[in-house]
Amino acid sequence: MLECGTTNQEPAKTVHKTRARFDSRRIYTVLLVVPLLYGAIRYLPPVAFTGMVALAGCVSLMELYRLCFQASSRPWGVSVGLLGCIGLIVGPYHPALVQTGLLVAVITVLSIPLLVEVPLLDSLREGAIVLTGMLYVGLTLSYLVLVRLLPEGESLLFFLLLVTWAADTGAYYVGTLYGQRALAPRISPKKTAEGLAGGFIGATIVAFVARWTFVPEFSNLDTLVLALVLTLAGLWGDLVESAISAASA
């Protein structure tokens, strides 16, 4: 992990490979999480899946706040962020309430300096972190709930999750075995062009298998474009996460 304040006189252009080592936790995660997700999407009502997404969102947001500041020392801000995150995730059920909830969250966070004796600059910085984290996690995850509520939401959600997983898995294994050209050495030295290509190939294969099996309404062009978009979205998300981790190290 790149630490804040470090410098590199010669930016890395390539990734020097040692013996390939694979993270077995990926296999365990698939074996544990996939059956739960499949059961929740396939057999339970949409509200059950929404609950799982909300729980995952809260855990993710707490981890983000932990990286940025000691969450236990900012209970008011963290509480507002978590409530706002849940509100955004369940927002597709009541879209008219989202704007009101966001306004309440902004006013509450900006009012904290009036209620707690904290240096103004620190309070504003932490308020920005609270609101940004709330939007980053809550708004993005709310689209999973929105997709699930569509008429063909079950199939579309399976497509989204499978293709994203294939892109991530393909990028990991191809990058581990063959990665040489770093994509963003300042942020994530292990991300390589070869890994990106492997992710796109994996995503494309799984996307077309899904098209032939349970989403026949997609054209060949639709499938190819979605595979590319989901691959790039996964890469961009990983880089953003790495940048946050590096900045807070």
Protein backbone atom coordinates (compact mmCIF):
# COMPACT_ATOMS: atom_id res chain seq x y z
CA MET A 1 0.00 0.00 0.00
CA LEU A 2 1.28 3.43 -0.89
CA GLU A 3 1.66 5.65 2.15
CA CYS A 4 0.96 9.38 2.25
CA GLY A 5 4.07 11.51 2.12
CA THR A 6 6.29 8.96 0.44
CA THR A 7 8.04 9.81 -2.82
CA ASN A 8 9.36 7.69 -5.60
CA GLN A 9 12.22 9.13 -7.62
CA GLU A 10 11.60 6.75 -10.50
CA PRO A 11 7.90 6.05 -11.08
CA ALA A 12 7.21 2.39 -11.66
CA LYS A 13 6.35 1.57 -15.24
CA THR A 14 6.28 -2.18 -14.85
CA VAL A 15 5.34 -4.64 -12.16
CA HIS A 16 8.20 -6.99 -11.33
CA LYS A 17 6.69 -10.38 -10.71
CA THR A 18 7.79 -12.82 -8.08
CA ARG A 19 6.23 -16.22 -7.57
CA ALA A 20 2.49 -16.01 -8.19
CA ARG A 21 0.47 -16.28 -5.00
CA PHE A 22 -3.29 -16.53 -5.00
CA ASP A 23 -5.58 -15.34 -2.24
CA SER A 24 -7.65 -18.34 -1.16
CA ARG A 25 -10.05 -16.03 0.68
CA ARG A 26 -11.63 -15.24 -2.68
CA ILE A 27 -12.72 -18.85 -3.03
CA TYR A 28 -14.11 -18.96 0.51
CA THR A 29 -15.97 -15.70 -0.07
CA VAL A 30 -17.60 -17.08 -3.21
CA LEU A 31 -18.61 -20.29 -1.46
CA LEU A 32 -20.19 -18.40 1.43
CA VAL A 33 -21.64 -15.28 -0.18
CA VAL A 34 -22.95 -16.61 -3.50
CA PRO A 35 -25.53 -19.03 -1.98
CA LEU A 36 -26.79 -16.28 0.34
CA LEU A 37 -27.11 -13.77 -2.48
CA TYR A 38 -28.74 -16.27 -4.79
CA GLY A 39 -31.27 -17.28 -2.15
CA ALA A 40 -32.07 -13.68 -1.24
CA ILE A 41 -32.55 -12.63 -4.86
CA ARG A 42 -34.28 -15.75 -6.14
CA TYR A 43 -36.56 -16.83 -3.30
CA LEU A 44 -37.08 -13.86 -0.97
CA PRO A 45 -39.07 -10.67 -1.63
CA PRO A 46 -37.14 -7.57 -2.76
CA VAL A 47 -37.29 -6.08 0.73
CA ALA A 48 -35.08 -8.89 2.05
CA PHE A 49 -32.42 -8.10 -0.55
CA THR A 50 -32.75 -4.41 0.34
CA GLY A 51 -32.06 -5.29 3.96
CA MET A 52 -28.89 -7.16 2.98
CA VAL A 53 -27.73 -4.24 0.87
CA ALA A 54 -28.43 -1.80 3.71
CA LEU A 55 -26.44 -3.94 6.15
CA ALA A 56 -23.52 -4.21 3.72
CA GLY A 57 -23.70 -0.46 3.15
CA CYS A 58 -23.50 0.31 6.87
CA VAL A 59 -20.52 -2.01 7.34
CA SER A 60 -18.75 -0.46 4.33
CA LEU A 61 -19.45 3.08 5.50
CA MET A 62 -18.19 2.34 9.00
CA GLU A 63 -14.96 1.01 7.48
CA LEU A 64 -14.63 4.17 5.39
CA TYR A 65 -15.13 6.37 8.44
CA ARG A 66 -12.61 4.26 10.35
CA LEU A 67 -10.02 4.93 7.66
CA CYS A 68 -10.71 8.67 7.61
CA PHE A 69 -11.10 9.36 11.33
CA GLN A 70 -11.72 7.57 14.60
CA ALA A 71 -15.40 6.84 14.22
CA SER A 72 -15.98 6.35 17.95
CA SER A 73 -14.91 9.96 18.61
CA ARG A 74 -17.48 11.35 16.13
CA PRO A 75 -20.72 9.58 17.10
CA TRP A 76 -23.02 12.36 15.87
CA GLY A 77 -21.51 12.58 12.42
CA VAL A 78 -21.25 8.80 12.04
CA SER A 79 -24.87 8.34 13.11
CA VAL A 80 -26.05 10.90 10.55
CA GLY A 81 -23.96 9.25 7.85
CA LEU A 82 -25.32 5.78 8.60
CA LEU A 83 -28.93 6.96 8.71
CA GLY A 84 -28.45 8.88 5.47
CA CYS A 85 -26.84 5.85 3.84
CA ILE A 86 -29.79 3.64 4.81
CA GLY A 87 -32.18 6.32 3.59
CA LEU A 88 -30.50 6.44 0.18
CA ILE A 89 -30.46 2.65 -0.14
CA VAL A 90 -34.19 2.35 0.57
CA GLY A 91 -34.84 5.49 -1.48
CA PRO A 92 -36.13 3.62 -4.57
CA TYR A 93 -39.17 2.61 -2.49
CA HIS A 94 -39.97 6.27 -1.69
CA PRO A 95 -38.12 8.51 -4.19
CA ALA A 96 -39.88 11.67 -3.03
CA LEU A 97 -38.27 11.39 0.41
CA VAL A 98 -34.67 11.24 -0.84
CA GLN A 99 -34.23 14.98 -1.38
CA THR A 100 -35.79 15.77 2.00
CA GLY A 101 -33.52 13.24 3.70
CA LEU A 102 -30.43 14.67 2.03
CA LEU A 103 -31.39 18.19 3.09
CA VAL A 104 -31.87 17.06 6.70
CA ALA A 105 -28.50 15.27 6.65
CA VAL A 106 -26.67 18.33 5.29
CA ILE A 107 -28.28 20.68 7.82
CA THR A 108 -27.55 18.28 10.68
CA VAL A 109 -23.89 17.83 9.77
CA LEU A 110 -23.37 21.58 9.30
CA SER A 111 -25.05 22.21 12.67
CA ILE A 112 -22.70 19.93 14.62
CA PRO A 113 -20.12 22.73 15.24
CA LEU A 114 -22.89 24.68 16.98
CA LEU A 115 -23.55 21.83 19.39
CA VAL A 116 -20.09 20.36 19.98
CA GLU A 117 -16.88 22.16 20.88
CA VAL A 118 -14.70 21.14 17.95
CA PRO A 119 -12.33 23.37 15.95
CA LEU A 120 -14.31 24.78 13.03
CA LEU A 121 -11.89 23.64 10.32
CA ASP A 122 -11.81 20.08 11.71
CA SER A 123 -15.59 20.04 11.96
CA LEU A 124 -16.04 21.16 8.36
CA ARG A 125 -13.50 18.63 7.09
CA GLU A 126 -15.13 15.78 8.99
CA GLY A 127 -18.58 16.94 7.89
CA ALA A 128 -17.43 16.75 4.29
CA ILE A 129 -16.14 13.21 4.90
CA VAL A 130 -19.44 12.20 6.50
CA LEU A 131 -21.53 13.52 3.61
CA THR A 132 -19.19 12.26 0.88
CA GLY A 133 -19.05 8.79 2.41
CA MET A 134 -22.82 8.72 2.79
CA LEU A 135 -23.29 9.57 -0.89
CA TYR A 136 -20.45 7.36 -2.11
CA VAL A 137 -21.77 4.23 -0.38
CA GLY A 138 -25.49 4.88 -0.11
CA LEU A 139 -26.14 6.35 -3.53
CA THR A 140 -24.16 3.73 -5.43
CA LEU A 141 -25.72 0.79 -3.56
CA SER A 142 -29.20 2.22 -4.03
CA TYR A 143 -28.93 1.29 -7.71
CA LEU A 144 -28.81 -2.39 -6.77
CA VAL A 145 -32.16 -1.94 -5.02
CA LEU A 146 -33.48 0.01 -8.00
CA VAL A 147 -32.47 -2.76 -10.40
CA ARG A 148 -34.11 -5.40 -8.17
CA LEU A 149 -37.41 -3.52 -8.29
CA LEU A 150 -37.54 -3.52 -12.10
CA PRO A 151 -39.89 -6.02 -13.82
CA GLU A 152 -36.91 -8.11 -14.95
CA GLY A 153 -34.84 -7.08 -11.95
CA GLU A 154 -33.99 -10.57 -10.79
CA SER A 155 -32.31 -11.53 -14.07
CA LEU A 156 -30.65 -8.14 -14.48
CA LEU A 157 -29.24 -8.30 -10.97
CA PHE A 158 -27.80 -11.77 -11.57
CA PHE A 159 -26.25 -10.47 -14.79
CA LEU A 160 -24.74 -7.46 -13.01
CA LEU A 161 -23.28 -9.47 -10.14
CA LEU A 162 -21.96 -12.33 -12.28
CA VAL A 163 -20.27 -10.10 -14.85
CA THR A 164 -18.74 -7.88 -12.17
CA TRP A 165 -17.43 -10.95 -10.33
CA ALA A 166 -16.01 -12.38 -13.57
CA ALA A 167 -14.25 -9.10 -14.36
CA ASP A 168 -12.72 -8.92 -10.89
CA THR A 169 -11.67 -12.57 -10.89
CA GLY A 170 -10.23 -12.44 -14.40
CA ALA A 171 -8.28 -9.29 -13.60
CA TYR A 172 -6.90 -10.81 -10.39
CA TYR A 173 -5.67 -14.08 -11.85
CA VAL A 174 -4.38 -12.74 -15.17
CA GLY A 175 -2.73 -9.81 -13.39
CA THR A 176 -1.13 -12.11 -10.83
CA LEU A 177 0.25 -14.45 -13.48
CA TYR A 178 1.12 -12.12 -16.34
CA GLY A 179 0.83 -8.53 -15.14
CA GLN A 180 3.78 -6.33 -16.15
CA ARG A 181 2.55 -2.85 -17.14
CA ALA A 182 1.15 -0.92 -14.20
CA LEU A 183 -1.99 1.13 -14.82
CA ALA A 184 -1.79 3.51 -11.84
CA PRO A 185 1.49 2.95 -9.95
CA ARG A 186 0.96 5.95 -7.64
CA ILE A 187 -2.38 4.61 -6.41
CA SER A 188 -2.36 0.84 -6.83
CA PRO A 189 0.94 -0.61 -8.09
CA LYS A 190 -0.56 -4.09 -8.55
CA LYS A 191 -3.21 -3.01 -11.06
CA THR A 192 -1.89 -3.87 -14.54
CA ALA A 193 -2.96 -3.53 -18.15
CA GLU A 194 -2.77 -7.31 -18.49
CA GLY A 195 -5.12 -7.67 -15.52
CA LEU A 196 -7.56 -5.22 -17.08
CA ALA A 197 -7.51 -7.22 -20.32
CA GLY A 198 -8.06 -10.44 -18.39
CA GLY A 199 -10.96 -8.87 -16.53
CA PHE A 200 -12.60 -7.74 -19.76
CA ILE A 201 -12.19 -11.19 -21.32
CA GLY A 202 -13.68 -12.87 -18.24
CA ALA A 203 -16.55 -10.38 -18.11
CA THR A 204 -17.27 -10.82 -21.83
CA ILE A 205 -17.37 -14.62 -21.60
CA VAL A 206 -19.73 -14.62 -18.62
CA ALA A 207 -21.87 -11.85 -20.13
CA PHE A 208 -22.48 -13.84 -23.30
CA VAL A 209 -23.17 -17.03 -21.34
CA ALA A 210 -25.73 -15.06 -19.32
CA ARG A 211 -27.25 -13.65 -22.52
CA TRP A 212 -27.66 -17.13 -23.97
CA THR A 213 -29.21 -18.49 -20.77
CA PHE A 214 -31.36 -15.96 -18.93
CA VAL A 215 -31.19 -12.49 -20.55
CA PRO A 216 -31.96 -13.18 -24.24
CA GLU A 217 -33.38 -9.67 -24.66
CA PHE A 218 -29.81 -8.31 -24.81
CA SER A 219 -28.27 -7.92 -28.26
CA ASN A 220 -24.67 -8.85 -28.95
CA LEU A 221 -23.72 -5.16 -28.86
CA ASP A 222 -25.58 -4.66 -25.57
CA THR A 223 -23.73 -7.57 -24.02
CA LEU A 224 -20.31 -6.43 -25.20
CA VAL A 225 -20.84 -2.83 -24.08
CA LEU A 226 -22.13 -3.89 -20.66
CA ALA A 227 -19.14 -6.19 -20.18
CA LEU A 228 -16.80 -3.30 -20.98
CA VAL A 229 -18.66 -0.80 -18.77
CA LEU A 230 -18.82 -3.15 -15.79
CA THR A 231 -15.12 -4.01 -16.15
CA LEU A 232 -14.15 -0.33 -16.18
CA ALA A 233 -16.54 0.47 -13.32
CA GLY A 234 -15.00 -2.26 -11.18
CA LEU A 235 -11.49 -1.04 -11.96
CA TRP A 236 -12.43 2.57 -11.18
CA GLY A 237 -14.00 1.53 -7.88
CA ASP A 238 -10.88 -0.40 -6.88
CA LEU A 239 -8.67 2.58 -7.70
CA VAL A 240 -10.86 4.94 -5.68
CA GLU A 241 -10.74 2.58 -2.72
CA SER A 242 -6.95 2.30 -3.03
CA ALA A 243 -6.62 6.09 -3.20
CA ILE A 244 -8.70 6.51 -0.02
CA SER A 245 -6.65 3.85 1.79
CA ALA A 246 -3.37 5.42 0.66
CA ALA A 247 -4.45 8.92 1.67
CA SER A 248 -5.51 7.78 5.13
CA ALA A 249 -2.46 5.56 5.78
